Amino acid sequence: MSNANTDGPIVADILSKTRLINTYASLTREFESALSHINNPSKNITILAPRNSAIHNLPHKPWENPEDYERLGEVNVYEGREGKDRAQGNLKRFVEAHIVSVCPWGEGVEAETLCGKKVRWVKEGGKIVIEPGHIEVDHVAEKVANGEVWILNGVLDPR
């Protein structure tokens, strides 16, 4: 996709109207780092948006990091100013882990997410999967002026 194509809908429009991913879409609105890409018609991105069910079926909340519990214990890990900042940082990494700053994005090409994680996609038996994590892409919701929104059947690990 060319940066010159700034007419028509953008990624933000697709996120706001796609019910399958409205949990993730609502989380993106909390972080300027995400919004500055999603709302910018001249920044081409690929959103790897987890289905609502994938987020709801996580063994923990998106703002929880199991390593926080291992390091700090179960009690009050997200309480107080420090705890709230920790949770907010975890949630920001979760959101940014699903935004790839490349579009179009070729098969097997390693790309970086906004949180700095390296990811790539491959085709396996007619399905697209994101690595690492072997997360299946359900479908591409739409291709728009500043990128694409891919619907995932799972969640990428932001760590």
Foldseek 3Di string as FASTA:
>chain_A
DALVQQDDDFQLVLQVPDQQQVVLSVLLVVDPLSCVQRVDLNFAKEFAGEGPVQQVPDPDHQLDDVVLCVVPNDPCCLDDPNNVVSSNVSSVLQSQQRMWRDPPADAPDWTATSLGDTKGWHDDPNWIAIPPVRWTFPAWSDADSRYTYTYTNHGDDSD
